[in-house]
Amino acid sequence: MMAFARVLFAILVIMAPGLVIAGPAEEANAVIDRWSATYSANDRDALVKLYTPDAILLGTTSPIVSKGTEGLQKYFEALPGSGRKNVITERYTIVLNDDAVVGTGLYTFSRAAENDTPRPSRFTMLVVRREGKWMIAHHHSSPRAETRQ
């Protein structure tokens, strides 16, 4: 048994340099990437699960603030089967602490019903770790201005 433990330890030591340990920035960006992929898959229920139960969304196409799981479900109710897509084109990350990261940047929406006409937008997401799970606590999205003001 001792020989096996030594061999296992040696293997772990040899492999250690190749191990990648994700930090807060990588974890938060993975959530943002999942958000984009899930939105593009038109999976409302999976998308809402990426948010904290008390999340706040200032949606691109909404005049109101969407709050909590129920508000998010209502905001995204037209998503299933809609053919909507999202592509992140530019991103910046600010680590606030080990449990909170701001991801911000530019993305483009398109809708099959609109011949996939690009709708350039900008976003900011506060991604937090709660009980070991990274989730979106705040999300603001708005159309991108066509010209600089």
C-alpha atoms as a PDB file:
ATOM      1  CA  MET A   1       0.000   0.000   0.000  1.00  0.00           C
ATOM      2  CA  MET A   2       2.861   2.388   0.839  1.00  0.00           C
ATOM      3  CA  ALA A   3       4.471   1.798  -2.561  1.00  0.00           C
ATOM      4  CA  PHE A   4       1.202   2.626  -4.291  1.00  0.00           C
ATOM      5  CA  ALA A   5       0.904   5.858  -2.308  1.00  0.00           C
ATOM      6  CA  ARG A   6       4.461   6.850  -3.304  1.00  0.00           C
ATOM      7  CA  VAL A   7       3.768   6.140  -6.975  1.00  0.00           C
ATOM      8  CA  LEU A   8       0.528   8.110  -6.840  1.00  0.00           C
ATOM      9  CA  PHE A   9       2.296  11.013  -5.143  1.00  0.00           C
ATOM     10  CA  ALA A  10       5.058  10.954  -7.790  1.00  0.00           C
ATOM     11  CA  ILE A  11       2.484  11.035 -10.581  1.00  0.00           C
ATOM     12  CA  LEU A  12       0.730  14.000  -8.985  1.00  0.00           C
ATOM     13  CA  VAL A  13       4.021  15.885  -8.598  1.00  0.00           C
ATOM     14  CA  ILE A  14       4.909  15.256 -12.233  1.00  0.00           C
ATOM     15  CA  MET A  15       1.472  16.374 -13.436  1.00  0.00           C
ATOM     16  CA  ALA A  16       1.190  19.406 -11.133  1.00  0.00           C
ATOM     17  CA  PRO A  17       2.816  21.915 -13.512  1.00  0.00           C
ATOM     18  CA  GLY A  18       0.158  21.089 -16.113  1.00  0.00           C
ATOM     19  CA  LEU A  19      -2.746  21.591 -13.743  1.00  0.00           C
ATOM     20  CA  VAL A  20      -4.637  24.796 -14.258  1.00  0.00           C
ATOM     21  CA  ILE A  21      -6.344  26.254 -11.235  1.00  0.00           C
ATOM     22  CA  ALA A  22      -9.025  28.724 -12.181  1.00  0.00           C
ATOM     23  CA  GLY A  23      -9.153  31.966 -10.251  1.00  0.00           C
ATOM     24  CA  PRO A  24     -12.084  34.342  -9.820  1.00  0.00           C
ATOM     25  CA  ALA A  25     -11.621  35.989 -13.239  1.00  0.00           C
ATOM     26  CA  GLU A  26     -11.624  32.668 -15.079  1.00  0.00           C
ATOM     27  CA  GLU A  27     -14.598  31.370 -13.096  1.00  0.00           C
ATOM     28  CA  ALA A  28     -16.644  34.520 -13.772  1.00  0.00           C
ATOM     29  CA  ASN A  29     -15.756  34.553 -17.458  1.00  0.00           C
ATOM     30  CA  ALA A  30     -16.833  30.915 -17.712  1.00  0.00           C
ATOM     31  CA  VAL A  31     -20.264  31.931 -16.357  1.00  0.00           C
ATOM     32  CA  ILE A  32     -20.484  34.785 -18.879  1.00  0.00           C
ATOM     33  CA  ASP A  33     -19.527  32.389 -21.691  1.00  0.00           C
ATOM     34  CA  ARG A  34     -22.201  29.939 -20.472  1.00  0.00           C
ATOM     35  CA  TRP A  35     -24.698  32.809 -20.447  1.00  0.00           C
ATOM     36  CA  SER A  36     -23.963  33.606 -24.114  1.00  0.00           C
ATOM     37  CA  ALA A  37     -24.114  29.941 -25.171  1.00  0.00           C
ATOM     38  CA  THR A  38     -27.309  29.283 -23.191  1.00  0.00           C
ATOM     39  CA  TYR A  39     -28.972  32.408 -24.585  1.00  0.00           C
ATOM     40  CA  SER A  40     -28.024  31.277 -28.097  1.00  0.00           C
ATOM     41  CA  ALA A  41     -29.462  27.823 -27.349  1.00  0.00           C
ATOM     42  CA  ASN A  42     -32.730  29.609 -26.430  1.00  0.00           C
ATOM     43  CA  ASP A  43     -32.912  27.700 -23.135  1.00  0.00           C
ATOM     44  CA  ARG A  44     -34.765  30.061 -20.800  1.00  0.00           C
ATOM     45  CA  ASP A  45     -34.798  27.782 -17.769  1.00  0.00           C
ATOM     46  CA  ALA A  46     -31.062  27.055 -17.924  1.00  0.00           C
ATOM     47  CA  LEU A  47     -30.368  30.746 -18.517  1.00  0.00           C
ATOM     48  CA  VAL A  48     -32.329  31.846 -15.445  1.00  0.00           C
ATOM     49  CA  LYS A  49     -30.421  29.279 -13.345  1.00  0.00           C
ATOM     50  CA  LEU A  50     -27.190  31.180 -14.111  1.00  0.00           C
ATOM     51  CA  TYR A  51     -28.521  34.075 -11.994  1.00  0.00           C
ATOM     52  CA  THR A  52     -28.748  34.366  -8.209  1.00  0.00           C
ATOM     53  CA  PRO A  53     -32.315  34.099  -6.834  1.00  0.00           C
ATOM     54  CA  ASP A  54     -32.211  37.824  -5.988  1.00  0.00           C
ATOM     55  CA  ALA A  55     -30.514  38.959  -9.204  1.00  0.00           C
ATOM     56  CA  ILE A  56     -31.318  42.237 -10.905  1.00  0.00           C
ATOM     57  CA  LEU A  57     -31.446  42.575 -14.699  1.00  0.00           C
ATOM     58  CA  LEU A  58     -31.629  45.822 -16.624  1.00  0.00           C
ATOM     59  CA  GLY A  59     -32.475  44.212 -19.946  1.00  0.00           C
ATOM     60  CA  THR A  60     -31.700  45.566 -23.390  1.00  0.00           C
ATOM     61  CA  THR A  61     -35.333  45.577 -24.482  1.00  0.00           C
ATOM     62  CA  SER A  62     -37.134  46.262 -21.210  1.00  0.00           C
ATOM     63  CA  PRO A  63     -38.341  49.559 -19.746  1.00  0.00           C
ATOM     64  CA  ILE A  64     -38.426  48.000 -16.259  1.00  0.00           C
ATOM     65  CA  VAL A  65     -35.989  46.413 -13.811  1.00  0.00           C
ATOM     66  CA  SER A  66     -36.373  42.627 -13.717  1.00  0.00           C
ATOM     67  CA  LYS A  67     -35.842  41.309 -10.184  1.00  0.00           C
ATOM     68  CA  GLY A  68     -35.383  37.785  -8.900  1.00  0.00           C
ATOM     69  CA  THR A  69     -36.056  34.456 -10.541  1.00  0.00           C
ATOM     70  CA  GLU A  70     -39.673  35.291 -11.386  1.00  0.00           C
ATOM     71  CA  GLY A  71     -38.732  38.608 -13.003  1.00  0.00           C
ATOM     72  CA  LEU A  72     -35.996  36.940 -15.051  1.00  0.00           C
ATOM     73  CA  GLN A  73     -38.336  34.186 -16.223  1.00  0.00           C
ATOM     74  CA  LYS A  74     -40.792  36.826 -17.382  1.00  0.00           C
ATOM     75  CA  TYR A  75     -38.085  38.871 -19.145  1.00  0.00           C
ATOM     76  CA  PHE A  76     -36.795  35.815 -21.022  1.00  0.00           C
ATOM     77  CA  GLU A  77     -40.244  34.221 -21.653  1.00  0.00           C
ATOM     78  CA  ALA A  78     -40.053  34.721 -25.437  1.00  0.00           C
ATOM     79  CA  LEU A  79     -36.594  33.127 -25.692  1.00  0.00           C
ATOM     80  CA  PRO A  80     -37.468  29.427 -26.236  1.00  0.00           C
ATOM     81  CA  GLY A  81     -37.654  28.638 -29.946  1.00  0.00           C
ATOM     82  CA  SER A  82     -37.004  32.251 -30.941  1.00  0.00           C
ATOM     83  CA  GLY A  83     -33.763  31.697 -32.834  1.00  0.00           C
ATOM     84  CA  ARG A  84     -32.082  34.496 -30.893  1.00  0.00           C
ATOM     85  CA  LYS A  85     -28.290  34.494 -30.758  1.00  0.00           C
ATOM     86  CA  ASN A  86     -25.579  36.295 -28.800  1.00  0.00           C
ATOM     87  CA  VAL A  87     -21.873  36.672 -29.561  1.00  0.00           C
ATOM     88  CA  ILE A  88     -19.465  38.370 -27.163  1.00  0.00           C
ATOM     89  CA  THR A  89     -17.076  40.513 -29.202  1.00  0.00           C
ATOM     90  CA  GLU A  90     -15.087  42.354 -26.528  1.00  0.00           C
ATOM     91  CA  ARG A  91     -14.647  41.739 -22.803  1.00  0.00           C
ATOM     92  CA  TYR A  92     -12.931  43.256 -19.779  1.00  0.00           C
ATOM     93  CA  THR A  93     -12.720  41.748 -16.319  1.00  0.00           C
ATOM     94  CA  ILE A  94     -12.285  43.415 -12.933  1.00  0.00           C
ATOM     95  CA  VAL A  95     -11.748  41.169  -9.914  1.00  0.00           C
ATOM     96  CA  LEU A  96     -13.281  42.892  -6.887  1.00  0.00           C
ATOM     97  CA  ASN A  97     -12.347  40.108  -4.464  1.00  0.00           C
ATOM     98  CA  ASP A  98     -12.196  36.306  -4.344  1.00  0.00           C
ATOM     99  CA  ASP A  99     -16.004  36.106  -4.504  1.00  0.00           C
ATOM    100  CA  ALA A 100     -17.014  38.961  -6.825  1.00  0.00           C
ATOM    101  CA  VAL A 101     -15.993  39.835 -10.378  1.00  0.00           C
ATOM    102  CA  VAL A 102     -17.283  42.422 -12.848  1.00  0.00           C
ATOM    103  CA  GLY A 103     -17.348  41.382 -16.492  1.00  0.00           C
ATOM    104  CA  THR A 104     -18.099  44.092 -19.012  1.00  0.00           C
ATOM    105  CA  GLY A 105     -17.830  44.548 -22.737  1.00  0.00           C
ATOM    106  CA  LEU A 106     -19.611  44.400 -26.042  1.00  0.00           C
ATOM    107  CA  TYR A 107     -21.825  41.751 -27.547  1.00  0.00           C
ATOM    108  CA  THR A 108     -24.103  41.429 -30.531  1.00  0.00           C
ATOM    109  CA  PHE A 109     -27.604  40.018 -30.547  1.00  0.00           C
ATOM    110  CA  SER A 110     -29.432  38.705 -33.594  1.00  0.00           C
ATOM    111  CA  ARG A 111     -32.883  37.239 -34.136  1.00  0.00           C
ATOM    112  CA  ALA A 112     -33.973  34.789 -36.792  1.00  0.00           C
ATOM    113  CA  ALA A 113     -37.266  36.710 -37.082  1.00  0.00           C
ATOM    114  CA  GLU A 114     -35.275  39.790 -38.120  1.00  0.00           C
ATOM    115  CA  ASN A 115     -33.129  38.000 -40.732  1.00  0.00           C
ATOM    116  CA  ASP A 116     -30.316  37.826 -38.150  1.00  0.00           C
ATOM    117  CA  THR A 117     -29.777  41.588 -38.352  1.00  0.00           C
ATOM    118  CA  PRO A 118     -26.988  42.394 -35.859  1.00  0.00           C
ATOM    119  CA  ARG A 119     -28.006  44.398 -32.789  1.00  0.00           C
ATOM    120  CA  PRO A 120     -24.766  45.660 -31.219  1.00  0.00           C
ATOM    121  CA  SER A 121     -25.081  46.054 -27.453  1.00  0.00           C
ATOM    122  CA  ARG A 122     -22.951  46.484 -24.361  1.00  0.00           C
ATOM    123  CA  PHE A 123     -23.085  44.654 -21.062  1.00  0.00           C
ATOM    124  CA  THR A 124     -21.942  44.638 -17.478  1.00  0.00           C
ATOM    125  CA  MET A 125     -22.380  41.602 -15.238  1.00  0.00           C
ATOM    126  CA  LEU A 126     -21.534  41.229 -11.571  1.00  0.00           C
ATOM    127  CA  VAL A 127     -20.683  37.565 -11.075  1.00  0.00           C
ATOM    128  CA  VAL A 128     -20.496  36.364  -7.472  1.00  0.00           C
ATOM    129  CA  ARG A 129     -19.634  33.132  -5.709  1.00  0.00           C
ATOM    130  CA  ARG A 130     -22.377  31.963  -3.378  1.00  0.00           C
ATOM    131  CA  GLU A 131     -22.053  28.704  -1.484  1.00  0.00           C
ATOM    132  CA  GLY A 132     -19.242  27.705  -3.844  1.00  0.00           C
ATOM    133  CA  LYS A 133     -21.187  28.401  -7.053  1.00  0.00           C
ATOM    134  CA  TRP A 134     -20.483  31.302  -9.433  1.00  0.00           C
ATOM    135  CA  MET A 135     -23.670  33.099 -10.540  1.00  0.00           C
ATOM    136  CA  ILE A 136     -24.794  36.403 -12.054  1.00  0.00           C
ATOM    137  CA  ALA A 137     -26.095  38.813  -9.386  1.00  0.00           C
ATOM    138  CA  HIS A 138     -26.484  41.899 -11.577  1.00  0.00           C
ATOM    139  CA  HIS A 139     -26.706  42.279 -15.350  1.00  0.00           C
ATOM    140  CA  HIS A 140     -27.081  45.478 -17.322  1.00  0.00           C
ATOM    141  CA  SER A 141     -27.422  45.426 -21.094  1.00  0.00           C
ATOM    142  CA  SER A 142     -28.142  48.285 -23.452  1.00  0.00           C
ATOM    143  CA  PRO A 143     -27.963  49.038 -27.174  1.00  0.00           C
ATOM    144  CA  ARG A 144     -24.616  50.362 -28.331  1.00  0.00           C
ATOM    145  CA  ALA A 145     -24.635  53.955 -29.558  1.00  0.00           C
ATOM    146  CA  GLU A 146     -23.953  54.325 -33.257  1.00  0.00           C
ATOM    147  CA  THR A 147     -21.831  57.427 -32.786  1.00  0.00           C
ATOM    148  CA  ARG A 148     -19.763  58.844 -29.983  1.00  0.00           C
ATOM    149  CA  GLN A 149     -21.526  61.652 -28.156  1.00  0.00           C
END
